[in-house]
Amino acid sequence: PDGMTVGEQLAAIAARVHELVATQSSSL
């Protein structure tokens, strides 16, 4: 319903997870 294709979702997930992992690494 959000209009995103599977490929768009995977690309957005990859970008967001890279941000989060960098934040967690710094935090740890």
mmCIF file of all heavy atoms, coordinates in Angstrom:
data_MODEL
# 
_entry.id   MODEL 
# 
loop_
_atom_site.group_PDB 
_atom_site.id 
_atom_site.type_symbol 
_atom_site.label_atom_id 
_atom_site.label_alt_id 
_atom_site.label_comp_id 
_atom_site.label_asym_id 
_atom_site.label_entity_id 
_atom_site.label_seq_id 
_atom_site.pdbx_PDB_ins_code 
_atom_site.Cartn_x 
_atom_site.Cartn_y 
_atom_site.Cartn_z 
_atom_site.occupancy 
_atom_site.B_iso_or_equiv 
_atom_site.pdbx_formal_charge 
_atom_site.auth_seq_id 
_atom_site.auth_comp_id 
_atom_site.auth_asym_id 
_atom_site.auth_atom_id 
_atom_site.pdbx_PDB_model_num 
ATOM 1   N N   . PRO A 1 1  ? 0.811  -1.228 0.000  1.00 0.00 ? 1  PRO A N   1 
ATOM 2   C CA  . PRO A 1 1  ? 0.000  0.000  0.000  1.00 0.00 ? 1  PRO A CA  1 
ATOM 3   C C   . PRO A 1 1  ? 0.843  1.277  0.000  1.00 0.00 ? 1  PRO A C   1 
ATOM 4   O O   . PRO A 1 1  ? 0.360  2.340  -0.370 1.00 0.00 ? 1  PRO A O   1 
ATOM 5   C CB  . PRO A 1 1  ? -0.843 -0.114 1.266  1.00 0.00 ? 1  PRO A CB  1 
ATOM 6   C CG  . PRO A 1 1  ? -0.236 -1.191 2.074  1.00 0.00 ? 1  PRO A CG  1 
ATOM 7   C CD  . PRO A 1 1  ? 0.579  -2.048 1.164  1.00 0.00 ? 1  PRO A CD  1 
ATOM 8   N N   . ASP A 1 2  ? 2.118  1.168  0.389  1.00 0.00 ? 2  ASP A N   1 
ATOM 9   C CA  . ASP A 1 2  ? 2.992  2.336  0.416  1.00 0.00 ? 2  ASP A CA  1 
ATOM 10  C C   . ASP A 1 2  ? 3.543  2.668  -0.975 1.00 0.00 ? 2  ASP A C   1 
ATOM 11  O O   . ASP A 1 2  ? 4.208  3.679  -1.156 1.00 0.00 ? 2  ASP A O   1 
ATOM 12  C CB  . ASP A 1 2  ? 4.136  2.154  1.406  1.00 0.00 ? 2  ASP A CB  1 
ATOM 13  C CG  . ASP A 1 2  ? 5.002  0.943  1.093  1.00 0.00 ? 2  ASP A CG  1 
ATOM 14  O OD1 . ASP A 1 2  ? 4.877  0.372  -0.006 1.00 0.00 ? 2  ASP A OD1 1 
ATOM 15  O OD2 . ASP A 1 2  ? 5.783  0.540  1.966  1.00 0.00 ? 2  ASP A OD2 1 
ATOM 16  N N   . GLY A 1 3  ? 3.324  1.791  -1.951 1.00 0.00 ? 3  GLY A N   1 
ATOM 17  C CA  . GLY A 1 3  ? 3.747  2.041  -3.325 1.00 0.00 ? 3  GLY A CA  1 
ATOM 18  C C   . GLY A 1 3  ? 5.175  1.652  -3.647 1.00 0.00 ? 3  GLY A C   1 
ATOM 19  O O   . GLY A 1 3  ? 5.648  1.900  -4.751 1.00 0.00 ? 3  GLY A O   1 
ATOM 20  N N   . MET A 1 4  ? 5.876  1.033  -2.702 1.00 0.00 ? 4  MET A N   1 
ATOM 21  C CA  . MET A 1 4  ? 7.270  0.653  -2.944 1.00 0.00 ? 4  MET A CA  1 
ATOM 22  C C   . MET A 1 4  ? 7.352  -0.750 -3.527 1.00 0.00 ? 4  MET A C   1 
ATOM 23  O O   . MET A 1 4  ? 6.693  -1.662 -3.032 1.00 0.00 ? 4  MET A O   1 
ATOM 24  C CB  . MET A 1 4  ? 8.083  0.714  -1.647 1.00 0.00 ? 4  MET A CB  1 
ATOM 25  C CG  . MET A 1 4  ? 8.267  2.102  -1.094 1.00 0.00 ? 4  MET A CG  1 
ATOM 26  S SD  . MET A 1 4  ? 9.232  2.105  0.446  1.00 0.00 ? 4  MET A SD  1 
ATOM 27  C CE  . MET A 1 4  ? 10.886 1.925  -0.212 1.00 0.00 ? 4  MET A CE  1 
ATOM 28  N N   . THR A 1 5  ? 8.191  -0.910 -4.536 1.00 0.00 ? 5  THR A N   1 
ATOM 29  C CA  . THR A 1 5  ? 8.444  -2.249 -5.075 1.00 0.00 ? 5  THR A CA  1 
ATOM 30  C C   . THR A 1 5  ? 9.385  -2.982 -4.128 1.00 0.00 ? 5  THR A C   1 
ATOM 31  O O   . THR A 1 5  ? 10.006 -2.372 -3.241 1.00 0.00 ? 5  THR A O   1 
ATOM 32  C CB  . THR A 1 5  ? 9.093  -2.183 -6.463 1.00 0.00 ? 5  THR A CB  1 
ATOM 33  O OG1 . THR A 1 5  ? 10.402 -1.607 -6.325 1.00 0.00 ? 5  THR A OG1 1 
ATOM 34  C CG2 . THR A 1 5  ? 8.249  -1.388 -7.445 1.00 0.00 ? 5  THR A CG2 1 
ATOM 35  N N   . VAL A 1 6  ? 9.534  -4.281 -4.342 1.00 0.00 ? 6  VAL A N   1 
ATOM 36  C CA  . VAL A 1 6  ? 10.446 -5.070 -3.517 1.00 0.00 ? 6  VAL A CA  1 
ATOM 37  C C   . VAL A 1 6  ? 11.868 -4.531 -3.649 1.00 0.00 ? 6  VAL A C   1 
ATOM 38  O O   . VAL A 1 6  ? 12.578 -4.365 -2.656 1.00 0.00 ? 6  VAL A O   1 
ATOM 39  C CB  . VAL A 1 6  ? 10.377 -6.565 -3.911 1.00 0.00 ? 6  VAL A CB  1 
ATOM 40  C CG1 . VAL A 1 6  ? 11.467 -7.353 -3.205 1.00 0.00 ? 6  VAL A CG1 1 
ATOM 41  C CG2 . VAL A 1 6  ? 9.008  -7.134 -3.584 1.00 0.00 ? 6  VAL A CG2 1 
ATOM 42  N N   . GLY A 1 7  ? 12.288 -4.227 -4.866 1.00 0.00 ? 7  GLY A N   1 
ATOM 43  C CA  . GLY A 1 7  ? 13.635 -3.694 -5.088 1.00 0.00 ? 7  GLY A CA  1 
ATOM 44  C C   . GLY A 1 7  ? 13.848 -2.369 -4.374 1.00 0.00 ? 7  GLY A C   1 
ATOM 45  O O   . GLY A 1 7  ? 14.914 -2.131 -3.788 1.00 0.00 ? 7  GLY A O   1 
ATOM 46  N N   . GLU A 1 8  ? 12.846 -1.501 -4.417 1.00 0.00 ? 8  GLU A N   1 
ATOM 47  C CA  . GLU A 1 8  ? 12.949 -0.212 -3.721 1.00 0.00 ? 8  GLU A CA  1 
ATOM 48  C C   . GLU A 1 8  ? 13.028 -0.418 -2.212 1.00 0.00 ? 8  GLU A C   1 
ATOM 49  O O   . GLU A 1 8  ? 13.787 0.278  -1.520 1.00 0.00 ? 8  GLU A O   1 
ATOM 50  C CB  . GLU A 1 8  ? 11.741 0.671  -4.066 1.00 0.00 ? 8  GLU A CB  1 
ATOM 51  C CG  . GLU A 1 8  ? 11.735 1.169  -5.489 1.00 0.00 ? 8  GLU A CG  1 
ATOM 52  C CD  . GLU A 1 8  ? 10.433 1.833  -5.879 1.00 0.00 ? 8  GLU A CD  1 
ATOM 53  O OE1 . GLU A 1 8  ? 9.376  1.525  -5.291 1.00 0.00 ? 8  GLU A OE1 1 
ATOM 54  O OE2 . GLU A 1 8  ? 10.472 2.667  -6.807 1.00 0.00 ? 8  GLU A OE2 1 
ATOM 55  N N   . GLN A 1 9  ? 12.260 -1.372 -1.706 1.00 0.00 ? 9  GLN A N   1 
ATOM 56  C CA  . GLN A 1 9  ? 12.305 -1.652 -0.272 1.00 0.00 ? 9  GLN A CA  1 
ATOM 57  C C   . GLN A 1 9  ? 13.682 -2.157 0.145  1.00 0.00 ? 9  GLN A C   1 
ATOM 58  O O   . GLN A 1 9  ? 14.235 -1.706 1.152  1.00 0.00 ? 9  GLN A O   1 
ATOM 59  C CB  . GLN A 1 9  ? 11.251 -2.696 0.107  1.00 0.00 ? 9  GLN A CB  1 
ATOM 60  C CG  . GLN A 1 9  ? 9.831  -2.185 0.035  1.00 0.00 ? 9  GLN A CG  1 
ATOM 61  C CD  . GLN A 1 9  ? 8.842  -3.259 0.403  1.00 0.00 ? 9  GLN A CD  1 
ATOM 62  O OE1 . GLN A 1 9  ? 8.799  -3.671 1.566  1.00 0.00 ? 9  GLN A OE1 1 
ATOM 63  N NE2 . GLN A 1 9  ? 8.062  -3.713 -0.559 1.00 0.00 ? 9  GLN A NE2 1 
ATOM 64  N N   . LEU A 1 10 ? 14.226 -3.080 -0.641 1.00 0.00 ? 10 LEU A N   1 
ATOM 65  C CA  . LEU A 1 10 ? 15.550 -3.628 -0.304 1.00 0.00 ? 10 LEU A CA  1 
ATOM 66  C C   . LEU A 1 10 ? 16.620 -2.541 -0.339 1.00 0.00 ? 10 LEU A C   1 
ATOM 67  O O   . LEU A 1 10 ? 17.503 -2.508 0.528  1.00 0.00 ? 10 LEU A O   1 
ATOM 68  C CB  . LEU A 1 10 ? 15.905 -4.780 -1.239 1.00 0.00 ? 10 LEU A CB  1 
ATOM 69  C CG  . LEU A 1 10 ? 15.110 -6.070 -1.007 1.00 0.00 ? 10 LEU A CG  1 
ATOM 70  C CD1 . LEU A 1 10 ? 15.360 -7.070 -2.130 1.00 0.00 ? 10 LEU A CD1 1 
ATOM 71  C CD2 . LEU A 1 10 ? 15.436 -6.686 0.343  1.00 0.00 ? 10 LEU A CD2 1 
ATOM 72  N N   . ALA A 1 11 ? 16.537 -1.644 -1.306 1.00 0.00 ? 11 ALA A N   1 
ATOM 73  C CA  . ALA A 1 11 ? 17.515 -0.551 -1.387 1.00 0.00 ? 11 ALA A CA  1 
ATOM 74  C C   . ALA A 1 11 ? 17.369 0.397  -0.192 1.00 0.00 ? 11 ALA A C   1 
ATOM 75  O O   . ALA A 1 11 ? 18.365 0.813  0.415  1.00 0.00 ? 11 ALA A O   1 
ATOM 76  C CB  . ALA A 1 11 ? 17.344 0.216  -2.700 1.00 0.00 ? 11 ALA A CB  1 
ATOM 77  N N   . ALA A 1 12 ? 16.135 0.714  0.167  1.00 0.00 ? 12 ALA A N   1 
ATOM 78  C CA  . ALA A 1 12 ? 15.901 1.604  1.311  1.00 0.00 ? 12 ALA A CA  1 
ATOM 79  C C   . ALA A 1 12 ? 16.332 0.940  2.615  1.00 0.00 ? 12 ALA A C   1 
ATOM 80  O O   . ALA A 1 12 ? 16.903 1.590  3.494  1.00 0.00 ? 12 ALA A O   1 
ATOM 81  C CB  . ALA A 1 12 ? 14.426 1.990  1.372  1.00 0.00 ? 12 ALA A CB  1 
ATOM 82  N N   . ILE A 1 13 ? 16.089 -0.367 2.738  1.00 0.00 ? 13 ILE A N   1 
ATOM 83  C CA  . ILE A 1 13 ? 16.508 -1.111 3.932  1.00 0.00 ? 13 ILE A CA  1 
ATOM 84  C C   . ILE A 1 13 ? 18.022 -1.090 4.043  1.00 0.00 ? 13 ILE A C   1 
ATOM 85  O O   . ILE A 1 13 ? 18.576 -0.834 5.119  1.00 0.00 ? 13 ILE A O   1 
ATOM 86  C CB  . ILE A 1 13 ? 15.975 -2.556 3.883  1.00 0.00 ? 13 ILE A CB  1 
ATOM 87  C CG1 . ILE A 1 13 ? 14.469 -2.570 4.137  1.00 0.00 ? 13 ILE A CG1 1 
ATOM 88  C CG2 . ILE A 1 13 ? 16.700 -3.444 4.891  1.00 0.00 ? 13 ILE A CG2 1 
ATOM 89  C CD1 . ILE A 1 13 ? 13.795 -3.899 3.825  1.00 0.00 ? 13 ILE A CD1 1 
ATOM 90  N N   . ALA A 1 14 ? 18.710 -1.346 2.931  1.00 0.00 ? 14 ALA A N   1 
ATOM 91  C CA  . ALA A 1 14 ? 20.185 -1.368 2.960  1.00 0.00 ? 14 ALA A CA  1 
ATOM 92  C C   . ALA A 1 14 ? 20.731 -0.019 3.426  1.00 0.00 ? 14 ALA A C   1 
ATOM 93  O O   . ALA A 1 14 ? 21.618 0.033  4.279  1.00 0.00 ? 14 ALA A O   1 
ATOM 94  C CB  . ALA A 1 14 ? 20.737 -1.722 1.582  1.00 0.00 ? 14 ALA A CB  1 
ATOM 95  N N   . ALA A 1 15 ? 20.195 1.069  2.881  1.00 0.00 ? 15 ALA A N   1 
ATOM 96  C CA  . ALA A 1 15 ? 20.677 2.398  3.267  1.00 0.00 ? 15 ALA A CA  1 
ATOM 97  C C   . ALA A 1 15 ? 20.429 2.664  4.747  1.00 0.00 ? 15 ALA A C   1 
ATOM 98  O O   . ALA A 1 15 ? 21.313 3.141  5.468  1.00 0.00 ? 15 ALA A O   1 
ATOM 99  C CB  . ALA A 1 15 ? 19.990 3.465  2.404  1.00 0.00 ? 15 ALA A CB  1 
ATOM 100 N N   . ARG A 1 16 ? 19.230 2.334  5.220  1.00 0.00 ? 16 ARG A N   1 
ATOM 101 C CA  . ARG A 1 16 ? 18.873 2.597  6.619  1.00 0.00 ? 16 ARG A CA  1 
ATOM 102 C C   . ARG A 1 16 ? 19.700 1.735  7.575  1.00 0.00 ? 16 ARG A C   1 
ATOM 103 O O   . ARG A 1 16 ? 20.170 2.207  8.606  1.00 0.00 ? 16 ARG A O   1 
ATOM 104 C CB  . ARG A 1 16 ? 17.383 2.323  6.815  1.00 0.00 ? 16 ARG A CB  1 
ATOM 105 C CG  . ARG A 1 16 ? 16.884 2.648  8.191  1.00 0.00 ? 16 ARG A CG  1 
ATOM 106 C CD  . ARG A 1 16 ? 16.793 4.154  8.400  1.00 0.00 ? 16 ARG A CD  1 
ATOM 107 N NE  . ARG A 1 16 ? 16.070 4.434  9.619  1.00 0.00 ? 16 ARG A NE  1 
ATOM 108 C CZ  . ARG A 1 16 ? 16.618 5.009  10.690 1.00 0.00 ? 16 ARG A CZ  1 
ATOM 109 N NH1 . ARG A 1 16 ? 17.868 5.404  10.655 1.00 0.00 ? 16 ARG A NH1 1 
ATOM 110 N NH2 . ARG A 1 16 ? 15.913 5.214  11.770 1.00 0.00 ? 16 ARG A NH2 1 
ATOM 111 N N   . VAL A 1 17 ? 19.889 0.462  7.217  1.00 0.00 ? 17 VAL A N   1 
ATOM 112 C CA  . VAL A 1 17 ? 20.649 -0.439 8.093  1.00 0.00 ? 17 VAL A CA  1 
ATOM 113 C C   . VAL A 1 17 ? 22.109 -0.006 8.170  1.00 0.00 ? 17 VAL A C   1 
ATOM 114 O O   . VAL A 1 17 ? 22.714 -0.079 9.243  1.00 0.00 ? 17 VAL A O   1 
ATOM 115 C CB  . VAL A 1 17 ? 20.499 -1.907 7.637  1.00 0.00 ? 17 VAL A CB  1 
ATOM 116 C CG1 . VAL A 1 17 ? 21.515 -2.802 8.317  1.00 0.00 ? 17 VAL A CG1 1 
ATOM 117 C CG2 . VAL A 1 17 ? 19.085 -2.402 7.923  1.00 0.00 ? 17 VAL A CG2 1 
ATOM 118 N N   . HIS A 1 18 ? 22.672 0.475  7.067  1.00 0.00 ? 18 HIS A N   1 
ATOM 119 C CA  . HIS A 1 18 ? 24.057 0.963  7.121  1.00 0.00 ? 18 HIS A CA  1 
ATOM 120 C C   . HIS A 1 18 ? 24.177 2.113  8.121  1.00 0.00 ? 18 HIS A C   1 
ATOM 121 O O   . HIS A 1 18 ? 25.138 2.175  8.886  1.00 0.00 ? 18 HIS A O   1 
ATOM 122 C CB  . HIS A 1 18 ? 24.530 1.402  5.730  1.00 0.00 ? 18 HIS A CB  1 
ATOM 123 C CG  . HIS A 1 18 ? 24.976 0.264  4.880  1.00 0.00 ? 18 HIS A CG  1 
ATOM 124 N ND1 . HIS A 1 18 ? 24.153 -0.356 3.976  1.00 0.00 ? 18 HIS A ND1 1 
ATOM 125 C CD2 . HIS A 1 18 ? 26.157 -0.390 4.814  1.00 0.00 ? 18 HIS A CD2 1 
ATOM 126 C CE1 . HIS A 1 18 ? 24.801 -1.333 3.382  1.00 0.00 ? 18 HIS A CE1 1 
ATOM 127 N NE2 . HIS A 1 18 ? 26.024 -1.388 3.878  1.00 0.00 ? 18 HIS A NE2 1 
ATOM 128 N N   . GLU A 1 19 ? 23.199 3.014  8.138  1.00 0.00 ? 19 GLU A N   1 
ATOM 129 C CA  . GLU A 1 19 ? 23.202 4.120  9.111  1.00 0.00 ? 19 GLU A CA  1 
ATOM 130 C C   . GLU A 1 19 ? 23.128 3.581  10.541 1.00 0.00 ? 19 GLU A C   1 
ATOM 131 O O   . GLU A 1 19 ? 23.878 4.006  11.422 1.00 0.00 ? 19 GLU A O   1 
ATOM 132 C CB  . GLU A 1 19 ? 21.992 5.036  8.894  1.00 0.00 ? 19 GLU A CB  1 
ATOM 133 C CG  . GLU A 1 19 ? 21.961 5.820  7.627  1.00 0.00 ? 19 GLU A CG  1 
ATOM 134 C CD  . GLU A 1 19 ? 20.616 6.522  7.440  1.00 0.00 ? 19 GLU A CD  1 
ATOM 135 O OE1 . GLU A 1 19 ? 19.809 6.592  8.399  1.00 0.00 ? 19 GLU A OE1 1 
ATOM 136 O OE2 . GLU A 1 19 ? 20.365 6.993  6.320  1.00 0.00 ? 19 GLU A OE2 1 
ATOM 137 N N   . LEU A 1 20 ? 22.188 2.658  10.760 1.00 0.00 ? 20 LEU A N   1 
ATOM 138 C CA  . LEU A 1 20 ? 21.980 2.127  12.104 1.00 0.00 ? 20 LEU A CA  1 
ATOM 139 C C   . LEU A 1 20 ? 23.187 1.351  12.615 1.00 0.00 ? 20 LEU A C   1 
ATOM 140 O O   . LEU A 1 20 ? 23.563 1.477  13.782 1.00 0.00 ? 20 LEU A O   1 
ATOM 141 C CB  . LEU A 1 20 ? 20.731 1.236  12.134 1.00 0.00 ? 20 LEU A CB  1 
ATOM 142 C CG  . LEU A 1 20 ? 19.396 1.951  11.946 1.00 0.00 ? 20 LEU A CG  1 
ATOM 143 C CD1 . LEU A 1 20 ? 18.262 0.935  11.794 1.00 0.00 ? 20 LEU A CD1 1 
ATOM 144 C CD2 . LEU A 1 20 ? 19.125 2.896  13.094 1.00 0.00 ? 20 LEU A CD2 1 
ATOM 145 N N   . VAL A 1 21 ? 23.800 0.558  11.750 1.00 0.00 ? 21 VAL A N   1 
ATOM 146 C CA  . VAL A 1 21 ? 24.964 -0.228 12.165 1.00 0.00 ? 21 VAL A CA  1 
ATOM 147 C C   . VAL A 1 21 ? 26.132 0.699  12.507 1.00 0.00 ? 21 VAL A C   1 
ATOM 148 O O   . VAL A 1 21 ? 26.855 0.458  13.484 1.00 0.00 ? 21 VAL A O   1 
ATOM 149 C CB  . VAL A 1 21 ? 25.333 -1.265 11.086 1.00 0.00 ? 21 VAL A CB  1 
ATOM 150 C CG1 . VAL A 1 21 ? 26.692 -1.876 11.347 1.00 0.00 ? 21 VAL A CG1 1 
ATOM 151 C CG2 . VAL A 1 21 ? 24.265 -2.354 11.018 1.00 0.00 ? 21 VAL A CG2 1 
ATOM 152 N N   . ALA A 1 22 ? 26.302 1.762  11.746 1.00 0.00 ? 22 ALA A N   1 
ATOM 153 C CA  . ALA A 1 22 ? 27.362 2.727  12.058 1.00 0.00 ? 22 ALA A CA  1 
ATOM 154 C C   . ALA A 1 22 ? 27.096 3.376  13.420 1.00 0.00 ? 22 ALA A C   1 
ATOM 155 O O   . ALA A 1 22 ? 28.021 3.550  14.225 1.00 0.00 ? 22 ALA A O   1 
ATOM 156 C CB  . ALA A 1 22 ? 27.466 3.782  10.962 1.00 0.00 ? 22 ALA A CB  1 
ATOM 157 N N   . THR A 1 23 ? 25.840 3.699  13.685 1.00 0.00 ? 23 THR A N   1 
ATOM 158 C CA  . THR A 1 23 ? 25.480 4.298  14.973 1.00 0.00 ? 23 THR A CA  1 
ATOM 159 C C   . THR A 1 23 ? 25.745 3.317  16.110 1.00 0.00 ? 23 THR A C   1 
ATOM 160 O O   . THR A 1 23 ? 26.318 3.687  17.142 1.00 0.00 ? 23 THR A O   1 
ATOM 161 C CB  . THR A 1 23 ? 23.995 4.710  14.976 1.00 0.00 ? 23 THR A CB  1 
ATOM 162 O OG1 . THR A 1 23 ? 23.784 5.675  13.949 1.00 0.00 ? 23 THR A OG1 1 
ATOM 163 C CG2 . THR A 1 23 ? 23.577 5.282  16.314 1.00 0.00 ? 23 THR A CG2 1 
ATOM 164 N N   . GLN A 1 24 ? 25.349 2.049  15.915 1.00 0.00 ? 24 GLN A N   1 
ATOM 165 C CA  . GLN A 1 24 ? 25.568 1.069  16.976 1.00 0.00 ? 24 GLN A CA  1 
ATOM 166 C C   . GLN A 1 24 ? 27.053 0.832  17.226 1.00 0.00 ? 24 GLN A C   1 
ATOM 167 O O   . GLN A 1 24 ? 27.486 0.717  18.359 1.00 0.00 ? 24 GLN A O   1 
ATOM 168 C CB  . GLN A 1 24 ? 24.882 -0.261 16.655 1.00 0.00 ? 24 GLN A CB  1 
ATOM 169 C CG  . GLN A 1 24 ? 24.951 -1.177 17.862 1.00 0.00 ? 24 GLN A CG  1 
ATOM 170 C CD  . GLN A 1 24 ? 25.058 -2.635 17.530 1.00 0.00 ? 24 GLN A CD  1 
ATOM 171 O OE1 . GLN A 1 24 ? 25.399 -3.000 16.418 1.00 0.00 ? 24 GLN A OE1 1 
ATOM 172 N NE2 . GLN A 1 24 ? 24.776 -3.464 18.506 1.00 0.00 ? 24 GLN A NE2 1 
ATOM 173 N N   . SER A 1 25 ? 27.829 0.777  16.169 1.00 0.00 ? 25 SER A N   1 
ATOM 174 C CA  . SER A 1 25 ? 29.272 0.566  16.316 1.00 0.00 ? 25 SER A CA  1 
ATOM 175 C C   . SER A 1 25 ? 29.895 1.694  17.124 1.00 0.00 ? 25 SER A C   1 
ATOM 176 O O   . SER A 1 25 ? 30.695 1.459  18.033 1.00 0.00 ? 25 SER A O   1 
ATOM 177 C CB  . SER A 1 25 ? 29.916 0.464  14.935 1.00 0.00 ? 25 SER A CB  1 
ATOM 178 O OG  . SER A 1 25 ? 31.297 0.302  15.052 1.00 0.00 ? 25 SER A OG  1 
ATOM 179 N N   . SER A 1 26 ? 29.509 2.911  16.807 1.00 0.00 ? 26 SER A N   1 
ATOM 180 C CA  . SER A 1 26 ? 30.014 4.073  17.540 1.00 0.00 ? 26 SER A CA  1 
ATOM 181 C C   . SER A 1 26 ? 29.558 4.030  19.000 1.00 0.00 ? 26 SER A C   1 
ATOM 182 O O   . SER A 1 26 ? 30.340 4.292  19.913 1.00 0.00 ? 26 SER A O   1 
ATOM 183 C CB  . SER A 1 26 ? 29.524 5.352  16.862 1.00 0.00 ? 26 SER A CB  1 
ATOM 184 O OG  . SER A 1 26 ? 29.869 6.470  17.609 1.00 0.00 ? 26 SER A OG  1 
ATOM 185 N N   . SER A 1 27 ? 28.302 3.676  19.195 1.00 0.00 ? 27 SER A N   1 
ATOM 186 C CA  . SER A 1 27 ? 27.752 3.601  20.546 1.00 0.00 ? 27 SER A CA  1 
ATOM 187 C C   . SER A 1 27 ? 28.481 2.548  21.379 1.00 0.00 ? 27 SER A C   1 
ATOM 188 O O   . SER A 1 27 ? 28.853 2.798  22.530 1.00 0.00 ? 27 SER A O   1 
ATOM 189 C CB  . SER A 1 27 ? 26.258 3.263  20.465 1.00 0.00 ? 27 SER A CB  1 
ATOM 190 O OG  . SER A 1 27 ? 25.724 3.030  21.734 1.00 0.00 ? 27 SER A OG  1 
ATOM 191 N N   . LEU A 1 28 ? 28.683 1.389  20.790 1.00 0.00 ? 28 LEU A N   1 
ATOM 192 C CA  . LEU A 1 28 ? 29.362 0.312  21.505 1.00 0.00 ? 28 LEU A CA  1 
ATOM 193 C C   . LEU A 1 28 ? 30.812 0.667  21.813 1.00 0.00 ? 28 LEU A C   1 
ATOM 194 O O   . LEU A 1 28 ? 31.322 0.354  22.880 1.00 0.00 ? 28 LEU A O   1 
ATOM 195 C CB  . LEU A 1 28 ? 29.284 -0.978 20.686 1.00 0.00 ? 28 LEU A CB  1 
ATOM 196 C CG  . LEU A 1 28 ? 29.415 -2.285 21.424 1.00 0.00 ? 28 LEU A CG  1 
ATOM 197 C CD1 . LEU A 1 28 ? 28.475 -2.365 22.614 1.00 0.00 ? 28 LEU A CD1 1 
ATOM 198 C CD2 . LEU A 1 28 ? 29.180 -3.442 20.477 1.00 0.00 ? 28 LEU A CD2 1 
# 
